[in-house]
Amino acid sequence: MTAQTSRSQLLPHFVREIGLCFLLVCLLQHGLAHAQKAPTELDDAISRLGSGEVCPRSVVVIADAGAVQAIPALEEQFKRATDVDIKVSIASGLVKLKDRDSIYWNFLLEQATLAVDSNVPDSVYSESQGKMTSQSPELQAWADAHNVSMKTAWQYAKQDIPGKILPLATTGYPRGIPLLQRALQSHNYLIVAYAARGLAQIQDKQSIPLIMAAAQRAPTGYNSLIAESLIYFDDVRAQSAVDTYVPKEKAARLREERTRGRGVFGW
């Protein structure tokens, strides 16, 4: 997409970009929706873990199945892992399995705090111009300040930085509420969307007005993505906000999927 792309051309591309980004990160961090229902996959994940082969999908399968017998192996792999993404995935899995050793929660909190405090601008929305753009001056300034290319800055803004808050958000651990609420103020709207989903996962109803305010200030496209989290609150205010920001057909489909057991993160 060139700098001359018109706003009318950019909006559909922008919405597809958001959806694709969210889908790819969810697939990476959390696996397919029904992976935990396949016993053979769980056995395979535990076997791979025992042999020292660990990947985010295997951790998700183990955590979603509540396979507490894998906790010692996960703890060992956490010690050995040098890749930050792998360590974050393992830490998230251990917290989901209710391993309350503070080292795992603290690691998740540290990485998520880096995302919230990063001040990395949004990849497609310019605050100063008040519109979507392929050449965000804020992101360019951030790239210059951090001595990285715009390509690298886009990667950080679209995936790397928002991806640091997602593992904490999916745990549903109430200790994350203060940071997730603070993340709603971010100028990177993917961070805001993930934080909103994390608060919905926790079912913190006190955060409903904060999520509503975040959706209200977000630009077109993002406001719908943020407001989707409100579908998972049995609250009149939340549902009214959904009807305000989420397209009617999409809201109806998401509500139907919720009644069928689809969770806030898609599984």
Protein backbone atom coordinates (compact mmCIF):
# COMPACT_ATOMS: atom_id res chain seq x y z
CA MET A 1 0.00 0.00 0.00
CA THR A 2 1.51 3.35 -1.02
CA ALA A 3 1.46 6.67 0.76
CA GLN A 4 -0.97 7.91 -1.86
CA THR A 5 -3.61 5.32 -0.97
CA SER A 6 -6.90 7.07 -0.35
CA ARG A 7 -8.71 6.87 2.93
CA SER A 8 -11.64 5.08 1.30
CA GLN A 9 -9.26 2.41 -0.01
CA LEU A 10 -7.40 2.18 3.27
CA LEU A 11 -10.37 1.47 5.55
CA PRO A 12 -11.30 -2.00 4.17
CA HIS A 13 -7.62 -2.95 4.11
CA PHE A 14 -7.25 -1.65 7.67
CA VAL A 15 -10.14 -3.76 8.99
CA ARG A 16 -8.77 -6.87 7.27
CA GLU A 17 -5.33 -6.15 8.73
CA ILE A 18 -6.74 -5.96 12.27
CA GLY A 19 -8.71 -9.17 11.88
CA LEU A 20 -5.77 -11.04 10.34
CA CYS A 21 -3.38 -9.79 12.98
CA PHE A 22 -5.67 -10.86 15.80
CA LEU A 23 -6.25 -14.27 14.18
CA LEU A 24 -2.55 -14.94 13.61
CA VAL A 25 -1.55 -13.99 17.14
CA CYS A 26 -4.36 -16.09 18.64
CA LEU A 27 -3.35 -19.08 16.53
CA LEU A 28 0.26 -18.67 17.60
CA GLN A 29 -0.38 -18.11 21.26
CA HIS A 30 -3.47 -20.17 21.88
CA GLY A 31 -4.01 -22.84 19.22
CA LEU A 32 -7.20 -23.76 17.45
CA ALA A 33 -10.51 -23.47 19.23
CA HIS A 34 -11.07 -27.14 19.96
CA ALA A 35 -7.52 -28.43 20.19
CA GLN A 36 -7.95 -29.45 23.82
CA LYS A 37 -10.72 -31.86 22.90
CA ALA A 38 -8.36 -34.24 21.09
CA PRO A 39 -6.78 -36.68 23.60
CA THR A 40 -4.17 -37.82 21.10
CA GLU A 41 -3.00 -34.25 20.65
CA LEU A 42 -2.71 -33.83 24.41
CA ASP A 43 -0.68 -37.04 24.65
CA ASP A 44 1.54 -35.84 21.83
CA ALA A 45 2.01 -32.42 23.46
CA ILE A 46 3.03 -34.00 26.77
CA SER A 47 5.35 -36.42 24.99
CA ARG A 48 7.02 -33.62 23.06
CA LEU A 49 7.38 -31.60 26.23
CA GLY A 50 9.05 -34.53 27.96
CA SER A 51 11.57 -34.83 25.14
CA GLY A 52 12.42 -31.15 25.40
CA GLU A 53 10.43 -30.02 22.36
CA VAL A 54 8.12 -27.18 23.32
CA CYS A 55 6.06 -24.75 21.27
CA PRO A 56 3.24 -22.32 22.18
CA ARG A 57 0.56 -24.59 20.69
CA SER A 58 1.64 -27.56 22.81
CA VAL A 59 1.53 -25.42 25.93
CA VAL A 60 -1.99 -24.28 25.06
CA VAL A 61 -3.22 -27.84 24.54
CA ILE A 62 -1.77 -28.85 27.91
CA ALA A 63 -3.11 -25.82 29.78
CA ASP A 64 -6.59 -25.97 28.24
CA ALA A 65 -6.84 -29.66 29.16
CA GLY A 66 -5.89 -28.86 32.76
CA ALA A 67 -3.06 -31.40 32.54
CA VAL A 68 -1.45 -30.57 35.87
CA GLN A 69 0.81 -33.62 35.54
CA ALA A 70 2.80 -31.62 33.00
CA ILE A 71 3.62 -28.82 35.47
CA PRO A 72 7.09 -30.15 36.45
CA ALA A 73 8.11 -30.53 32.80
CA LEU A 74 6.80 -27.05 31.97
CA GLU A 75 8.70 -25.58 34.89
CA GLU A 76 11.88 -27.26 33.67
CA GLN A 77 11.38 -26.00 30.12
CA PHE A 78 10.79 -22.48 31.44
CA LYS A 79 14.22 -22.61 33.09
CA ARG A 80 15.86 -23.82 29.88
CA ALA A 81 14.10 -21.56 27.38
CA THR A 82 16.06 -18.67 25.93
CA ASP A 83 13.41 -17.42 23.51
CA VAL A 84 11.23 -14.80 25.21
CA ASP A 85 8.07 -15.80 23.29
CA ILE A 86 8.47 -19.43 24.39
CA LYS A 87 9.06 -18.40 28.01
CA VAL A 88 5.98 -16.15 27.93
CA SER A 89 3.87 -18.98 26.52
CA ILE A 90 5.09 -21.42 29.18
CA ALA A 91 4.55 -18.88 31.96
CA SER A 92 1.00 -18.24 30.73
CA GLY A 93 0.30 -21.97 30.66
CA LEU A 94 1.62 -22.46 34.17
CA VAL A 95 -0.52 -19.63 35.52
CA LYS A 96 -3.58 -21.16 33.82
CA LEU A 97 -2.70 -24.47 35.49
CA LYS A 98 -2.72 -22.55 38.79
CA ASP A 99 0.99 -22.86 39.41
CA ARG A 100 1.24 -19.89 41.74
CA ASP A 101 5.02 -19.74 41.92
CA SER A 102 5.48 -15.99 41.62
CA ILE A 103 8.27 -16.30 39.05
CA TYR A 104 5.80 -17.16 36.25
CA TRP A 105 3.26 -14.47 37.01
CA ASN A 106 5.99 -11.90 37.51
CA PHE A 107 7.50 -12.76 34.13
CA LEU A 108 4.12 -12.33 32.42
CA LEU A 109 3.56 -9.07 34.26
CA GLU A 110 7.02 -7.81 33.30
CA GLN A 111 6.48 -8.50 29.61
CA ALA A 112 2.97 -7.04 29.58
CA THR A 113 4.20 -3.93 31.39
CA LEU A 114 6.84 -3.47 28.69
CA ALA A 115 4.02 -3.37 26.15
CA VAL A 116 1.90 -0.91 28.10
CA ASP A 117 4.86 1.38 28.84
CA SER A 118 6.35 1.15 25.35
CA ASN A 119 4.41 4.11 23.96
CA VAL A 120 4.67 2.53 20.53
CA PRO A 121 2.08 4.27 18.33
CA ASP A 122 -0.58 2.50 16.37
CA SER A 123 0.56 1.06 13.06
CA VAL A 124 -2.28 2.43 10.91
CA TYR A 125 -3.85 5.32 12.81
CA SER A 126 -2.34 8.77 13.22
CA GLU A 127 -3.37 10.67 16.33
CA SER A 128 -2.09 13.99 14.98
CA GLN A 129 -3.84 13.59 11.62
CA GLY A 130 -6.93 12.00 13.12
CA LYS A 131 -7.16 9.39 10.38
CA MET A 132 -5.85 6.10 9.09
CA THR A 133 -2.69 6.42 7.08
CA SER A 134 0.05 4.31 5.54
CA GLN A 135 2.69 6.79 6.74
CA SER A 136 2.04 7.54 10.41
CA PRO A 137 4.25 10.42 11.55
CA GLU A 138 4.05 9.13 15.14
CA LEU A 139 5.34 5.71 14.12
CA GLN A 140 8.08 7.30 12.01
CA ALA A 141 9.14 9.39 14.99
CA TRP A 142 9.14 6.28 17.20
CA ALA A 143 11.27 4.42 14.65
CA ASP A 144 13.75 7.29 14.48
CA ALA A 145 13.94 7.54 18.27
CA HIS A 146 14.65 3.81 18.56
CA ASN A 147 16.98 3.71 15.56
CA VAL A 148 14.97 1.09 13.68
CA SER A 149 13.51 0.95 10.18
CA MET A 150 9.84 1.65 9.52
CA LYS A 151 9.43 -2.01 8.58
CA THR A 152 10.71 -3.04 12.00
CA ALA A 153 8.55 -0.39 13.67
CA TRP A 154 5.45 -1.78 11.92
CA GLN A 155 6.33 -5.27 13.13
CA TYR A 156 6.68 -3.99 16.67
CA ALA A 157 3.47 -1.96 16.54
CA LYS A 158 1.29 -4.60 14.88
CA GLN A 159 2.54 -7.81 16.50
CA ASP A 160 5.54 -7.85 18.81
CA ILE A 161 4.47 -5.24 21.36
CA PRO A 162 0.72 -6.08 21.47
CA GLY A 163 1.68 -9.76 21.62
CA LYS A 164 3.37 -9.20 24.97
CA ILE A 165 0.09 -8.37 26.71
CA LEU A 166 -1.97 -11.16 25.16
CA PRO A 167 -0.52 -14.10 27.21
CA LEU A 168 -1.33 -12.29 30.44
CA ALA A 169 -4.78 -11.32 29.23
CA THR A 170 -5.72 -14.91 28.42
CA THR A 171 -4.93 -16.24 31.90
CA GLY A 172 -8.09 -14.77 33.43
CA TYR A 173 -6.07 -14.05 36.57
CA PRO A 174 -7.60 -11.15 38.55
CA ARG A 175 -4.18 -9.87 39.62
CA GLY A 176 -3.84 -8.56 36.07
CA ILE A 177 -6.79 -6.14 36.35
CA PRO A 178 -4.80 -2.98 37.26
CA LEU A 179 -2.38 -3.37 34.34
CA LEU A 180 -5.13 -4.31 31.88
CA GLN A 181 -7.13 -1.26 32.92
CA ARG A 182 -4.07 0.91 32.38
CA ALA A 183 -3.56 -0.69 28.97
CA LEU A 184 -6.97 0.62 27.90
CA GLN A 185 -5.35 4.08 27.73
CA SER A 186 -2.72 2.99 25.18
CA HIS A 187 -2.46 4.74 21.83
CA ASN A 188 -1.79 1.37 20.24
CA TYR A 189 -5.32 0.12 19.73
CA LEU A 190 -4.40 -3.55 19.43
CA ILE A 191 -3.06 -3.32 22.98
CA VAL A 192 -6.39 -1.77 23.99
CA ALA A 193 -8.38 -4.54 22.27
CA TYR A 194 -6.36 -7.32 23.93
CA ALA A 195 -6.68 -5.62 27.33
CA ALA A 196 -10.45 -5.33 26.91
CA ARG A 197 -10.70 -9.03 26.12
CA GLY A 198 -8.56 -9.87 29.13
CA LEU A 199 -10.88 -7.93 31.42
CA ALA A 200 -13.86 -9.70 29.86
CA GLN A 201 -12.11 -13.04 30.46
CA ILE A 202 -11.78 -12.10 34.13
CA GLN A 203 -15.38 -10.85 34.13
CA ASP A 204 -14.45 -7.65 35.91
CA LYS A 205 -17.68 -5.68 35.65
CA GLN A 206 -16.09 -2.61 37.19
CA SER A 207 -14.08 -2.33 33.98
CA ILE A 208 -17.16 -2.07 31.75
CA PRO A 209 -17.27 1.77 31.79
CA LEU A 210 -13.54 1.86 31.03
CA ILE A 211 -13.91 -0.48 28.05
CA MET A 212 -16.87 1.56 26.81
CA ALA A 213 -14.80 4.76 27.07
CA ALA A 214 -11.93 3.09 25.20
CA ALA A 215 -14.28 2.03 22.40
CA GLN A 216 -15.73 5.55 22.23
CA ARG A 217 -12.36 7.22 21.76
CA ALA A 218 -11.03 4.61 19.32
CA PRO A 219 -11.12 5.29 15.57
CA THR A 220 -13.53 3.55 13.21
CA GLY A 221 -12.69 -0.12 12.87
CA TYR A 222 -10.93 -0.36 16.19
CA ASN A 223 -13.99 0.71 18.19
CA SER A 224 -15.80 -2.39 16.98
CA LEU A 225 -12.85 -4.64 17.78
CA ILE A 226 -12.66 -3.26 21.31
CA ALA A 227 -16.42 -3.35 21.92
CA GLU A 228 -16.65 -7.03 20.93
CA SER A 229 -15.28 -7.91 24.37
CA LEU A 230 -18.43 -6.40 25.93
CA ILE A 231 -20.53 -9.20 24.41
CA TYR A 232 -19.23 -11.43 27.19
CA PHE A 233 -20.69 -9.33 30.00
CA ASP A 234 -24.28 -9.94 31.08
CA ASP A 235 -24.82 -6.24 31.58
CA VAL A 236 -27.28 -3.85 29.93
CA ARG A 237 -24.66 -1.09 29.54
CA ALA A 238 -22.22 -3.45 27.90
CA GLN A 239 -24.76 -4.86 25.46
CA SER A 240 -25.92 -1.36 24.53
CA ALA A 241 -22.33 -0.41 23.70
CA VAL A 242 -22.02 -3.52 21.53
CA ASP A 243 -25.06 -2.39 19.54
CA THR A 244 -23.51 1.05 19.18
CA TYR A 245 -20.09 0.04 17.89
CA VAL A 246 -20.33 -3.48 16.45
CA PRO A 247 -22.11 -3.94 13.09
CA LYS A 248 -25.53 -5.53 13.62
CA GLU A 249 -24.93 -8.77 11.72
CA LYS A 250 -21.53 -9.31 13.31
CA ALA A 251 -22.89 -8.66 16.80
CA ALA A 252 -25.69 -11.17 16.24
CA ARG A 253 -23.22 -13.78 15.02
CA LEU A 254 -20.85 -13.25 17.96
CA ARG A 255 -23.70 -13.45 20.46
CA GLU A 256 -24.87 -16.70 18.89
CA GLU A 257 -21.33 -18.08 19.05
CA ARG A 258 -21.15 -17.14 22.71
CA THR A 259 -24.30 -19.13 23.45
CA ARG A 260 -22.61 -22.10 21.77
CA GLY A 261 -19.65 -21.81 24.10
CA ARG A 262 -17.21 -19.67 22.16
CA GLY A 263 -14.99 -17.79 24.57
CA VAL A 264 -13.77 -14.24 24.43
CA PHE A 265 -10.52 -15.26 22.77
CA GLY A 266 -12.20 -17.48 20.20
CA TRP A 267 -12.17 -20.90 21.80
